[in-house]
N, C-alpha and C. Protein backbone atom coordinates (compact mmCIF):
# COMPACT_ATOMS: atom_id res chain seq x y z
N ARG A 1 -2.48 26.94 -12.14
CA ARG A 1 -1.90 28.15 -12.72
C ARG A 1 -1.23 29.04 -11.69
N HIS A 2 -1.76 29.05 -10.46
CA HIS A 2 -1.10 29.86 -9.42
C HIS A 2 0.36 29.44 -9.26
N TRP A 3 0.60 28.11 -9.27
CA TRP A 3 1.97 27.62 -9.10
C TRP A 3 2.82 27.94 -10.31
N THR A 4 2.32 27.66 -11.51
CA THR A 4 3.13 27.90 -12.70
C THR A 4 3.36 29.40 -12.92
N ASP A 5 2.37 30.23 -12.59
CA ASP A 5 2.56 31.68 -12.72
C ASP A 5 3.65 32.18 -11.77
N ALA A 6 3.87 31.45 -10.67
CA ALA A 6 4.89 31.84 -9.71
C ALA A 6 6.25 31.20 -10.01
N GLY A 7 6.37 30.55 -11.17
CA GLY A 7 7.66 30.00 -11.58
C GLY A 7 7.87 28.54 -11.26
N PHE A 8 6.83 27.86 -10.76
CA PHE A 8 6.96 26.43 -10.45
C PHE A 8 6.72 25.60 -11.70
N GLU A 9 7.33 24.41 -11.72
CA GLU A 9 7.11 23.46 -12.81
C GLU A 9 6.71 22.11 -12.22
N SER A 10 5.98 21.36 -13.01
CA SER A 10 5.56 20.02 -12.58
C SER A 10 6.78 19.13 -12.41
N LEU A 11 6.89 18.48 -11.25
CA LEU A 11 8.02 17.60 -10.97
C LEU A 11 7.61 16.13 -11.01
N ALA A 12 6.40 15.82 -10.54
CA ALA A 12 5.94 14.43 -10.51
C ALA A 12 4.43 14.39 -10.43
N HIS A 13 3.88 13.26 -10.85
CA HIS A 13 2.42 13.06 -10.81
C HIS A 13 2.11 11.82 -9.97
N TYR A 14 1.03 11.91 -9.23
CA TYR A 14 0.57 10.81 -8.37
C TYR A 14 -0.91 10.58 -8.63
N PHE A 15 -1.37 9.38 -8.29
CA PHE A 15 -2.75 9.01 -8.54
C PHE A 15 -3.30 8.25 -7.34
N SER A 16 -4.61 8.35 -7.13
CA SER A 16 -5.31 7.46 -6.21
C SER A 16 -6.39 6.74 -7.00
N GLY A 17 -6.53 5.45 -6.74
CA GLY A 17 -7.51 4.64 -7.46
C GLY A 17 -8.63 4.20 -6.54
N LEU A 18 -9.81 4.05 -7.12
CA LEU A 18 -11.00 3.63 -6.37
C LEU A 18 -11.51 2.30 -6.90
N VAL A 19 -11.74 1.36 -5.99
CA VAL A 19 -12.36 0.08 -6.34
C VAL A 19 -13.73 0.07 -5.68
N GLY A 20 -14.77 0.17 -6.50
CA GLY A 20 -16.13 0.21 -5.98
C GLY A 20 -16.81 -1.14 -5.96
N ASP A 21 -16.28 -2.10 -6.70
CA ASP A 21 -16.85 -3.45 -6.75
C ASP A 21 -15.83 -4.42 -6.16
N LEU A 22 -15.97 -4.71 -4.88
CA LEU A 22 -14.99 -5.56 -4.19
C LEU A 22 -15.12 -7.03 -4.55
N SER A 23 -16.17 -7.38 -5.26
CA SER A 23 -16.30 -8.78 -5.69
C SER A 23 -15.49 -9.04 -6.95
N ARG A 24 -15.02 -7.99 -7.59
CA ARG A 24 -14.23 -8.14 -8.82
C ARG A 24 -12.83 -8.63 -8.48
N ARG A 25 -12.45 -9.77 -9.04
CA ARG A 25 -11.16 -10.37 -8.74
C ARG A 25 -10.11 -9.95 -9.76
N ASP A 26 -8.88 -9.87 -9.30
CA ASP A 26 -7.75 -9.63 -10.19
C ASP A 26 -7.49 -10.93 -10.94
N PRO A 27 -7.58 -10.93 -12.27
CA PRO A 27 -7.45 -12.19 -13.02
C PRO A 27 -6.08 -12.85 -12.89
N ARG A 28 -5.07 -12.12 -12.46
CA ARG A 28 -3.72 -12.69 -12.35
C ARG A 28 -3.42 -13.25 -10.97
N ALA A 29 -4.24 -12.90 -10.00
CA ALA A 29 -3.88 -13.19 -8.61
C ALA A 29 -3.86 -14.68 -8.28
N GLU A 30 -4.82 -15.43 -8.77
CA GLU A 30 -4.91 -16.85 -8.39
C GLU A 30 -3.71 -17.64 -8.88
N ALA A 31 -3.33 -17.44 -10.14
CA ALA A 31 -2.16 -18.16 -10.67
C ALA A 31 -0.90 -17.75 -9.93
N ALA A 32 -0.78 -16.46 -9.61
CA ALA A 32 0.40 -15.98 -8.87
C ALA A 32 0.43 -16.60 -7.48
N LEU A 33 -0.73 -16.69 -6.82
CA LEU A 33 -0.79 -17.28 -5.48
C LEU A 33 -0.34 -18.74 -5.51
N GLN A 34 -0.79 -19.49 -6.50
CA GLN A 34 -0.40 -20.90 -6.59
C GLN A 34 1.11 -21.04 -6.77
N ARG A 35 1.68 -20.20 -7.62
CA ARG A 35 3.14 -20.27 -7.86
C ARG A 35 3.91 -19.87 -6.60
N LEU A 36 3.48 -18.80 -5.93
CA LEU A 36 4.15 -18.35 -4.71
C LEU A 36 4.04 -19.39 -3.60
N THR A 37 2.89 -20.03 -3.51
CA THR A 37 2.70 -21.08 -2.49
C THR A 37 3.66 -22.24 -2.73
N ARG A 38 3.83 -22.61 -4.00
CA ARG A 38 4.76 -23.71 -4.33
C ARG A 38 6.19 -23.37 -3.94
N THR A 39 6.56 -22.09 -4.01
CA THR A 39 7.93 -21.71 -3.66
C THR A 39 8.10 -21.50 -2.15
N GLY A 40 7.00 -21.61 -1.39
CA GLY A 40 7.10 -21.51 0.06
C GLY A 40 6.74 -20.16 0.65
N VAL A 41 6.21 -19.25 -0.16
CA VAL A 41 5.76 -17.95 0.36
C VAL A 41 4.42 -18.15 1.06
N THR A 42 4.30 -17.58 2.25
CA THR A 42 3.04 -17.67 3.00
C THR A 42 2.53 -16.26 3.31
N LEU A 43 1.22 -16.16 3.48
CA LEU A 43 0.57 -14.91 3.85
C LEU A 43 -0.12 -15.10 5.19
N ARG A 44 -0.05 -14.08 6.01
CA ARG A 44 -0.78 -14.08 7.27
C ARG A 44 -1.17 -12.65 7.59
N THR A 45 -2.06 -12.51 8.55
CA THR A 45 -2.46 -11.17 8.97
C THR A 45 -1.55 -10.68 10.09
N LEU A 46 -1.57 -9.39 10.30
CA LEU A 46 -0.75 -8.76 11.33
C LEU A 46 -1.10 -9.28 12.71
N ASP A 47 -0.11 -9.53 13.52
CA ASP A 47 -0.31 -9.92 14.92
C ASP A 47 -0.20 -8.66 15.77
N LEU A 48 -1.33 -8.09 16.14
CA LEU A 48 -1.33 -6.81 16.86
C LEU A 48 -0.67 -6.93 18.22
N ALA A 49 -0.68 -8.13 18.82
CA ALA A 49 -0.03 -8.33 20.12
C ALA A 49 1.50 -8.23 20.00
N ARG A 50 2.00 -8.38 18.79
CA ARG A 50 3.44 -8.27 18.52
C ARG A 50 3.72 -7.09 17.59
N PHE A 51 3.02 -6.00 17.79
CA PHE A 51 3.05 -4.87 16.86
C PHE A 51 4.47 -4.36 16.63
N ASP A 52 5.26 -4.20 17.69
CA ASP A 52 6.63 -3.71 17.53
C ASP A 52 7.48 -4.65 16.69
N ASP A 53 7.34 -5.95 16.92
CA ASP A 53 8.08 -6.93 16.12
C ASP A 53 7.64 -6.89 14.66
N GLU A 54 6.33 -6.73 14.45
CA GLU A 54 5.80 -6.67 13.09
C GLU A 54 6.36 -5.43 12.37
N LEU A 55 6.47 -4.32 13.09
CA LEU A 55 7.01 -3.11 12.49
C LEU A 55 8.46 -3.28 12.07
N ARG A 56 9.21 -4.09 12.80
CA ARG A 56 10.59 -4.36 12.41
C ARG A 56 10.64 -5.05 11.04
N GLY A 57 9.74 -6.02 10.84
CA GLY A 57 9.66 -6.69 9.54
C GLY A 57 9.23 -5.74 8.43
N ILE A 58 8.25 -4.90 8.73
CA ILE A 58 7.77 -3.92 7.75
C ILE A 58 8.89 -2.94 7.39
N TYR A 59 9.61 -2.50 8.40
CA TYR A 59 10.72 -1.56 8.17
C TYR A 59 11.81 -2.20 7.30
N SER A 60 12.14 -3.45 7.60
CA SER A 60 13.22 -4.11 6.85
C SER A 60 12.87 -4.24 5.37
N VAL A 61 11.61 -4.48 5.06
CA VAL A 61 11.19 -4.56 3.66
C VAL A 61 11.15 -3.16 3.05
N SER A 62 10.63 -2.20 3.78
CA SER A 62 10.48 -0.83 3.25
C SER A 62 11.82 -0.22 2.84
N THR A 63 12.83 -0.40 3.67
CA THR A 63 14.12 0.24 3.36
C THR A 63 14.75 -0.32 2.09
N VAL A 64 14.43 -1.56 1.77
CA VAL A 64 14.97 -2.17 0.54
C VAL A 64 14.07 -1.86 -0.65
N SER A 65 12.77 -2.05 -0.50
CA SER A 65 11.88 -1.93 -1.67
C SER A 65 11.65 -0.50 -2.11
N PHE A 66 11.82 0.48 -1.22
CA PHE A 66 11.57 1.88 -1.59
C PHE A 66 12.83 2.68 -1.89
N ARG A 67 14.00 2.10 -1.69
CA ARG A 67 15.23 2.90 -1.76
C ARG A 67 15.48 3.54 -3.12
N ASP A 68 14.93 2.98 -4.20
CA ASP A 68 15.10 3.57 -5.52
C ASP A 68 13.90 4.42 -5.95
N ASN A 69 12.92 4.59 -5.05
CA ASN A 69 11.75 5.39 -5.39
C ASN A 69 12.09 6.87 -5.50
N PHE A 70 11.35 7.56 -6.31
CA PHE A 70 11.54 8.99 -6.53
C PHE A 70 11.41 9.74 -5.21
N LEU A 71 12.41 10.56 -4.89
CA LEU A 71 12.46 11.41 -3.68
C LEU A 71 12.49 10.64 -2.37
N TYR A 72 12.86 9.36 -2.43
CA TYR A 72 12.90 8.56 -1.19
C TYR A 72 14.03 9.02 -0.28
N THR A 73 13.72 9.17 0.99
CA THR A 73 14.72 9.43 2.03
C THR A 73 14.46 8.43 3.15
N GLU A 74 15.47 7.67 3.50
CA GLU A 74 15.29 6.66 4.54
C GLU A 74 15.11 7.31 5.91
N LEU A 75 14.13 6.81 6.65
CA LEU A 75 13.90 7.26 8.02
C LEU A 75 14.65 6.34 8.98
N PRO A 76 15.18 6.87 10.06
CA PRO A 76 15.70 5.98 11.10
C PRO A 76 14.55 5.10 11.61
N GLU A 77 14.88 3.88 12.02
CA GLU A 77 13.84 2.93 12.41
C GLU A 77 12.96 3.47 13.54
N GLU A 78 13.53 4.15 14.51
CA GLU A 78 12.72 4.67 15.62
C GLU A 78 11.69 5.68 15.14
N GLU A 79 12.09 6.53 14.21
CA GLU A 79 11.15 7.52 13.66
C GLU A 79 10.06 6.83 12.85
N PHE A 80 10.44 5.82 12.08
CA PHE A 80 9.49 5.03 11.31
C PHE A 80 8.45 4.39 12.23
N ARG A 81 8.94 3.75 13.27
CA ARG A 81 8.03 3.08 14.21
C ARG A 81 7.13 4.07 14.93
N ALA A 82 7.65 5.26 15.24
CA ALA A 82 6.84 6.29 15.90
C ALA A 82 5.69 6.74 14.99
N GLN A 83 5.94 6.83 13.69
CA GLN A 83 4.88 7.21 12.75
C GLN A 83 3.78 6.17 12.73
N TYR A 84 4.15 4.91 12.66
CA TYR A 84 3.15 3.85 12.62
C TYR A 84 2.43 3.69 13.96
N ALA A 85 3.11 4.00 15.05
CA ALA A 85 2.47 3.92 16.36
C ALA A 85 1.28 4.86 16.46
N GLN A 86 1.34 5.97 15.72
CA GLN A 86 0.25 6.95 15.76
C GLN A 86 -1.05 6.41 15.16
N ILE A 87 -0.95 5.43 14.28
CA ILE A 87 -2.17 4.90 13.68
C ILE A 87 -2.54 3.51 14.21
N ARG A 88 -1.85 3.08 15.25
CA ARG A 88 -2.10 1.73 15.77
C ARG A 88 -3.56 1.51 16.15
N LEU A 89 -4.20 2.52 16.75
CA LEU A 89 -5.59 2.36 17.18
C LEU A 89 -6.55 2.20 16.00
N ALA A 90 -6.15 2.67 14.83
CA ALA A 90 -7.00 2.55 13.64
C ALA A 90 -6.80 1.23 12.91
N VAL A 91 -5.78 0.47 13.28
CA VAL A 91 -5.43 -0.75 12.55
C VAL A 91 -6.42 -1.87 12.85
N ARG A 92 -6.91 -2.49 11.77
CA ARG A 92 -7.63 -3.76 11.88
C ARG A 92 -6.66 -4.82 11.37
N PRO A 93 -6.22 -5.73 12.22
CA PRO A 93 -5.19 -6.69 11.82
C PRO A 93 -5.55 -7.48 10.57
N GLU A 94 -6.84 -7.72 10.36
CA GLU A 94 -7.26 -8.49 9.19
C GLU A 94 -6.92 -7.79 7.88
N LEU A 95 -6.72 -6.47 7.95
CA LEU A 95 -6.46 -5.68 6.75
C LEU A 95 -4.98 -5.42 6.49
N VAL A 96 -4.13 -6.00 7.33
CA VAL A 96 -2.68 -5.87 7.13
C VAL A 96 -2.11 -7.25 6.86
N LEU A 97 -1.54 -7.42 5.68
CA LEU A 97 -1.00 -8.72 5.29
C LEU A 97 0.51 -8.72 5.35
N MET A 98 1.05 -9.79 5.89
CA MET A 98 2.49 -10.00 5.97
C MET A 98 2.82 -11.21 5.11
N ALA A 99 3.76 -11.04 4.18
CA ALA A 99 4.23 -12.15 3.35
C ALA A 99 5.58 -12.61 3.88
N GLU A 100 5.71 -13.92 4.06
CA GLU A 100 6.95 -14.46 4.62
C GLU A 100 7.49 -15.58 3.73
N HIS A 101 8.81 -15.68 3.72
CA HIS A 101 9.48 -16.73 2.97
C HIS A 101 10.77 -17.08 3.71
N GLU A 102 10.93 -18.33 3.98
CA GLU A 102 12.12 -18.81 4.70
C GLU A 102 12.34 -18.03 5.99
N GLN A 103 11.26 -17.86 6.73
CA GLN A 103 11.26 -17.28 8.08
C GLN A 103 11.67 -15.81 8.13
N ARG A 104 11.42 -15.09 7.04
CA ARG A 104 11.63 -13.64 7.09
C ARG A 104 10.53 -12.94 6.32
N THR A 105 10.29 -11.69 6.67
CA THR A 105 9.28 -10.89 5.98
C THR A 105 9.82 -10.48 4.62
N VAL A 106 9.02 -10.75 3.57
CA VAL A 106 9.46 -10.41 2.21
C VAL A 106 8.50 -9.42 1.54
N GLY A 107 7.40 -9.12 2.21
CA GLY A 107 6.45 -8.16 1.66
C GLY A 107 5.34 -7.89 2.66
N PHE A 108 4.62 -6.81 2.42
CA PHE A 108 3.47 -6.49 3.26
C PHE A 108 2.50 -5.60 2.49
N ALA A 109 1.25 -5.64 2.90
CA ALA A 109 0.23 -4.73 2.40
C ALA A 109 -0.45 -4.14 3.62
N PHE A 110 -0.26 -2.84 3.84
CA PHE A 110 -0.75 -2.17 5.04
C PHE A 110 -1.97 -1.33 4.66
N SER A 111 -3.13 -1.74 5.14
CA SER A 111 -4.38 -1.05 4.85
C SER A 111 -5.11 -0.73 6.15
N VAL A 112 -5.83 0.37 6.14
CA VAL A 112 -6.58 0.80 7.33
C VAL A 112 -7.96 1.29 6.92
N PRO A 113 -8.94 1.18 7.81
CA PRO A 113 -10.25 1.80 7.53
C PRO A 113 -10.10 3.31 7.46
N ASP A 114 -10.91 3.94 6.63
CA ASP A 114 -10.91 5.40 6.52
C ASP A 114 -11.67 5.98 7.71
N VAL A 115 -10.96 6.19 8.81
CA VAL A 115 -11.62 6.62 10.05
C VAL A 115 -12.21 8.02 9.94
N HIS A 116 -11.74 8.82 8.98
CA HIS A 116 -12.31 10.16 8.81
C HIS A 116 -13.75 10.10 8.29
N GLU A 117 -14.11 8.99 7.65
CA GLU A 117 -15.50 8.81 7.22
C GLU A 117 -16.46 8.80 8.40
N GLN A 118 -15.99 8.27 9.51
CA GLN A 118 -16.83 8.21 10.72
C GLN A 118 -17.29 9.62 11.12
N THR A 119 -16.38 10.58 11.06
CA THR A 119 -16.74 11.94 11.46
C THR A 119 -17.60 12.63 10.41
N ARG A 120 -17.44 12.24 9.14
CA ARG A 120 -18.24 12.87 8.08
C ARG A 120 -19.61 12.23 7.93
N ASP A 121 -19.64 10.90 7.90
CA ASP A 121 -20.86 10.18 7.53
C ASP A 121 -21.47 9.35 8.65
N GLY A 122 -20.77 9.25 9.77
CA GLY A 122 -21.30 8.45 10.87
C GLY A 122 -20.96 6.97 10.78
N ARG A 123 -20.36 6.54 9.68
CA ARG A 123 -19.94 5.13 9.56
C ARG A 123 -18.77 5.06 8.60
N VAL A 124 -18.07 3.94 8.65
CA VAL A 124 -16.90 3.76 7.80
C VAL A 124 -17.23 2.72 6.74
N ARG A 125 -17.15 3.14 5.48
CA ARG A 125 -17.46 2.25 4.35
C ARG A 125 -16.22 1.92 3.52
N THR A 126 -15.10 2.62 3.78
CA THR A 126 -13.95 2.56 2.89
C THR A 126 -12.70 2.06 3.60
N VAL A 127 -11.92 1.25 2.91
CA VAL A 127 -10.60 0.83 3.36
C VAL A 127 -9.58 1.53 2.46
N ILE A 128 -8.50 2.02 3.07
CA ILE A 128 -7.43 2.66 2.32
C ILE A 128 -6.21 1.75 2.31
N VAL A 129 -5.79 1.37 1.11
CA VAL A 129 -4.53 0.64 0.96
C VAL A 129 -3.44 1.69 1.01
N LYS A 130 -2.75 1.75 2.14
CA LYS A 130 -1.77 2.80 2.39
C LYS A 130 -0.42 2.49 1.76
N THR A 131 0.09 1.28 1.99
CA THR A 131 1.43 0.91 1.50
C THR A 131 1.48 -0.56 1.11
N ILE A 132 2.11 -0.80 -0.03
CA ILE A 132 2.44 -2.16 -0.45
C ILE A 132 3.93 -2.17 -0.75
N ALA A 133 4.64 -3.13 -0.21
CA ALA A 133 6.07 -3.22 -0.46
C ALA A 133 6.48 -4.69 -0.53
N ILE A 134 7.36 -4.98 -1.46
CA ILE A 134 7.85 -6.34 -1.66
C ILE A 134 9.33 -6.27 -1.95
N LEU A 135 10.09 -7.21 -1.43
CA LEU A 135 11.51 -7.25 -1.75
C LEU A 135 11.70 -7.38 -3.26
N PRO A 136 12.64 -6.65 -3.84
CA PRO A 136 12.79 -6.60 -5.30
C PRO A 136 13.51 -7.82 -5.87
N GLN A 137 12.89 -8.98 -5.70
CA GLN A 137 13.41 -10.21 -6.29
C GLN A 137 12.29 -10.79 -7.14
N ARG A 138 12.13 -10.23 -8.33
CA ARG A 138 10.97 -10.54 -9.17
C ARG A 138 10.86 -12.04 -9.47
N ALA A 139 11.98 -12.70 -9.67
CA ALA A 139 11.93 -14.13 -9.98
C ALA A 139 11.26 -14.92 -8.86
N LEU A 140 11.45 -14.48 -7.63
CA LEU A 140 10.84 -15.15 -6.48
C LEU A 140 9.46 -14.61 -6.13
N TYR A 141 9.32 -13.28 -6.18
CA TYR A 141 8.12 -12.66 -5.59
C TYR A 141 7.25 -11.91 -6.59
N GLY A 142 7.48 -12.11 -7.86
CA GLY A 142 6.62 -11.50 -8.87
C GLY A 142 5.17 -11.92 -8.68
N GLY A 143 4.27 -10.97 -8.73
CA GLY A 143 2.84 -11.25 -8.55
C GLY A 143 2.35 -11.15 -7.12
N LEU A 144 3.28 -11.02 -6.17
CA LEU A 144 2.88 -10.96 -4.76
C LEU A 144 2.04 -9.73 -4.46
N GLY A 145 2.35 -8.60 -5.09
CA GLY A 145 1.55 -7.39 -4.88
C GLY A 145 0.11 -7.61 -5.31
N SER A 146 -0.08 -8.23 -6.48
CA SER A 146 -1.43 -8.51 -6.97
C SER A 146 -2.19 -9.42 -6.01
N VAL A 147 -1.50 -10.42 -5.49
CA VAL A 147 -2.13 -11.36 -4.56
C VAL A 147 -2.58 -10.64 -3.29
N MET A 148 -1.71 -9.80 -2.75
CA MET A 148 -2.05 -9.13 -1.49
C MET A 148 -3.16 -8.11 -1.67
N VAL A 149 -3.16 -7.40 -2.79
CA VAL A 149 -4.24 -6.44 -3.04
C VAL A 149 -5.56 -7.17 -3.23
N ASP A 150 -5.54 -8.26 -4.00
CA ASP A 150 -6.76 -9.04 -4.21
C ASP A 150 -7.29 -9.59 -2.89
N ARG A 151 -6.41 -10.10 -2.05
CA ARG A 151 -6.81 -10.62 -0.74
C ARG A 151 -7.38 -9.50 0.14
N THR A 152 -6.78 -8.32 0.07
CA THR A 152 -7.28 -7.18 0.84
C THR A 152 -8.70 -6.83 0.41
N HIS A 153 -8.97 -6.84 -0.89
CA HIS A 153 -10.33 -6.56 -1.38
C HIS A 153 -11.32 -7.59 -0.84
N GLN A 154 -10.94 -8.87 -0.89
CA GLN A 154 -11.82 -9.92 -0.38
C GLN A 154 -12.10 -9.74 1.10
N THR A 155 -11.06 -9.44 1.86
CA THR A 155 -11.22 -9.27 3.31
C THR A 155 -12.08 -8.05 3.61
N ALA A 156 -11.83 -6.96 2.91
CA ALA A 156 -12.64 -5.75 3.13
C ALA A 156 -14.11 -6.03 2.88
N GLN A 157 -14.40 -6.74 1.81
CA GLN A 157 -15.79 -7.07 1.51
C GLN A 157 -16.39 -7.96 2.60
N ALA A 158 -15.64 -8.96 3.05
CA ALA A 158 -16.13 -9.86 4.09
C ALA A 158 -16.39 -9.12 5.40
N LEU A 159 -15.64 -8.05 5.66
CA LEU A 159 -15.81 -7.27 6.88
C LEU A 159 -16.93 -6.23 6.75
N GLY A 160 -17.54 -6.14 5.57
CA GLY A 160 -18.67 -5.23 5.40
C GLY A 160 -18.33 -3.89 4.79
N TYR A 161 -17.08 -3.70 4.36
CA TYR A 161 -16.73 -2.45 3.71
C TYR A 161 -17.23 -2.48 2.26
N GLU A 162 -17.42 -1.30 1.69
CA GLU A 162 -18.03 -1.21 0.37
C GLU A 162 -17.06 -0.82 -0.73
N ARG A 163 -15.93 -0.25 -0.38
CA ARG A 163 -14.98 0.18 -1.40
C ARG A 163 -13.57 0.25 -0.82
N VAL A 164 -12.61 0.29 -1.72
CA VAL A 164 -11.20 0.39 -1.34
C VAL A 164 -10.56 1.50 -2.16
N ILE A 165 -9.73 2.29 -1.50
CA ILE A 165 -8.93 3.30 -2.19
C ILE A 165 -7.48 2.88 -2.17
N HIS A 166 -6.86 2.88 -3.34
CA HIS A 166 -5.41 2.67 -3.46
C HIS A 166 -4.80 4.06 -3.46
N ALA A 167 -4.14 4.43 -2.37
CA ALA A 167 -3.78 5.82 -2.14
C ALA A 167 -2.40 6.20 -2.67
N LEU A 168 -2.34 7.36 -3.31
CA LEU A 168 -1.11 8.08 -3.66
C LEU A 168 -0.03 7.21 -4.30
N MET A 169 -0.29 6.80 -5.52
CA MET A 169 0.67 6.00 -6.27
C MET A 169 1.43 6.90 -7.24
N HIS A 170 2.74 6.81 -7.25
CA HIS A 170 3.54 7.57 -8.21
C HIS A 170 3.24 7.05 -9.62
N GLU A 171 3.32 7.94 -10.59
CA GLU A 171 2.95 7.60 -11.97
C GLU A 171 3.73 6.40 -12.53
N SER A 172 4.95 6.17 -12.06
CA SER A 172 5.75 5.08 -12.60
C SER A 172 5.71 3.83 -11.72
N ASN A 173 4.92 3.85 -10.67
CA ASN A 173 4.93 2.74 -9.72
C ASN A 173 4.15 1.54 -10.24
N GLN A 174 4.67 0.34 -9.98
CA GLN A 174 4.01 -0.90 -10.38
C GLN A 174 2.61 -1.02 -9.78
N SER A 175 2.38 -0.41 -8.63
CA SER A 175 1.07 -0.51 -7.98
C SER A 175 -0.04 0.09 -8.83
N ARG A 176 0.30 1.02 -9.72
CA ARG A 176 -0.73 1.57 -10.62
C ARG A 176 -1.28 0.50 -11.55
N ASN A 177 -0.41 -0.38 -12.04
CA ASN A 177 -0.88 -1.47 -12.92
C ASN A 177 -1.82 -2.40 -12.17
N ILE A 178 -1.47 -2.69 -10.91
CA ILE A 178 -2.32 -3.55 -10.09
C ILE A 178 -3.66 -2.87 -9.86
N SER A 179 -3.64 -1.61 -9.51
CA SER A 179 -4.86 -0.86 -9.23
C SER A 179 -5.78 -0.79 -10.44
N ASP A 180 -5.19 -0.58 -11.61
CA ASP A 180 -5.99 -0.41 -12.83
C ASP A 180 -6.74 -1.67 -13.24
N ARG A 181 -6.31 -2.84 -12.74
CA ARG A 181 -6.99 -4.08 -13.11
C ARG A 181 -8.34 -4.24 -12.42
N THR A 182 -8.55 -3.55 -11.30
CA THR A 182 -9.82 -3.72 -10.58
C THR A 182 -10.53 -2.40 -10.30
N GLY A 183 -9.86 -1.28 -10.51
CA GLY A 183 -10.48 0.00 -10.20
C GLY A 183 -10.20 1.04 -11.27
N HIS A 184 -10.38 2.29 -10.90
CA HIS A 184 -10.14 3.39 -11.84
C HIS A 184 -9.58 4.58 -11.07
N THR A 185 -8.93 5.47 -11.78
CA THR A 185 -8.35 6.66 -11.15
C THR A 185 -9.46 7.55 -10.62
N MET A 186 -9.37 7.89 -9.35
CA MET A 186 -10.37 8.77 -8.75
C MET A 186 -9.83 10.18 -8.52
N ARG A 187 -8.51 10.30 -8.45
CA ARG A 187 -7.91 11.61 -8.17
C ARG A 187 -6.49 11.64 -8.70
N ARG A 188 -6.08 12.83 -9.17
CA ARG A 188 -4.72 13.04 -9.65
C ARG A 188 -4.08 14.14 -8.83
N TYR A 189 -2.77 14.04 -8.64
CA TYR A 189 -2.03 15.03 -7.87
C TYR A 189 -0.78 15.40 -8.64
N THR A 190 -0.36 16.64 -8.53
CA THR A 190 0.89 17.08 -9.14
C THR A 190 1.77 17.70 -8.07
N LEU A 191 3.02 17.30 -8.07
CA LEU A 191 4.03 17.90 -7.19
C LEU A 191 4.77 18.95 -7.99
N TYR A 192 4.76 20.18 -7.50
CA TYR A 192 5.42 21.27 -8.20
C TYR A 192 6.73 21.63 -7.47
N ALA A 193 7.68 22.18 -8.25
CA ALA A 193 8.98 22.54 -7.67
C ALA A 193 9.54 23.73 -8.45
N ARG A 194 10.44 24.44 -7.80
CA ARG A 194 11.19 25.49 -8.48
C ARG A 194 12.54 25.65 -7.78
N PRO A 195 13.55 26.07 -8.54
CA PRO A 195 14.87 26.26 -7.91
C PRO A 195 14.81 27.42 -6.91
N LEU A 196 15.55 27.30 -5.82
CA LEU A 196 15.65 28.36 -4.85
C LEU A 196 16.87 29.20 -5.15
N ARG A 197 16.72 30.50 -5.06
CA ARG A 197 17.86 31.39 -5.28
C ARG A 197 18.51 31.71 -3.95
N ALA A 198 19.83 31.77 -3.93
CA ALA A 198 20.56 32.05 -2.69
C ALA A 198 20.39 33.52 -2.30
């Protein structure tokens, strides 16, 4: 009400999802994995020794897959890489998946442990799925997001984590459908806006 009383209106809605049962599988993931494997798509974990090279692949996918997203503004590659460099120490390579096809990066799922839990609770129990991006060629890569999220859940469980958060999904984003198959909405966010007067 503080915002609306001041003349702001709702511009967009975002959601975060919580998966508390990491043993729960996405029912679509296995069939999608088999189809993607037949077409030559492979999955691997991030090579931290080649972090800068990996970021180039992540950037190349991001600029294509996010360009039509609401309020998207492309970052210069150096600025993009500088942002990711800040979280390099928090990265567990097992939690970052790179999808490749015909020797190029076609998708990625970038997840990190919730390091702030360490300061609050003394241990880290949660993995945050920060970004999922796939080249927009549905005929080739449809289902890849589901596969990577499902694999991330399996890996998180194997590493001893207890839950996964799918962070900040726009209301119209395909990732919400993926999230809803294994988790539930834990938090809602509203972006407010108002015209500026000269």
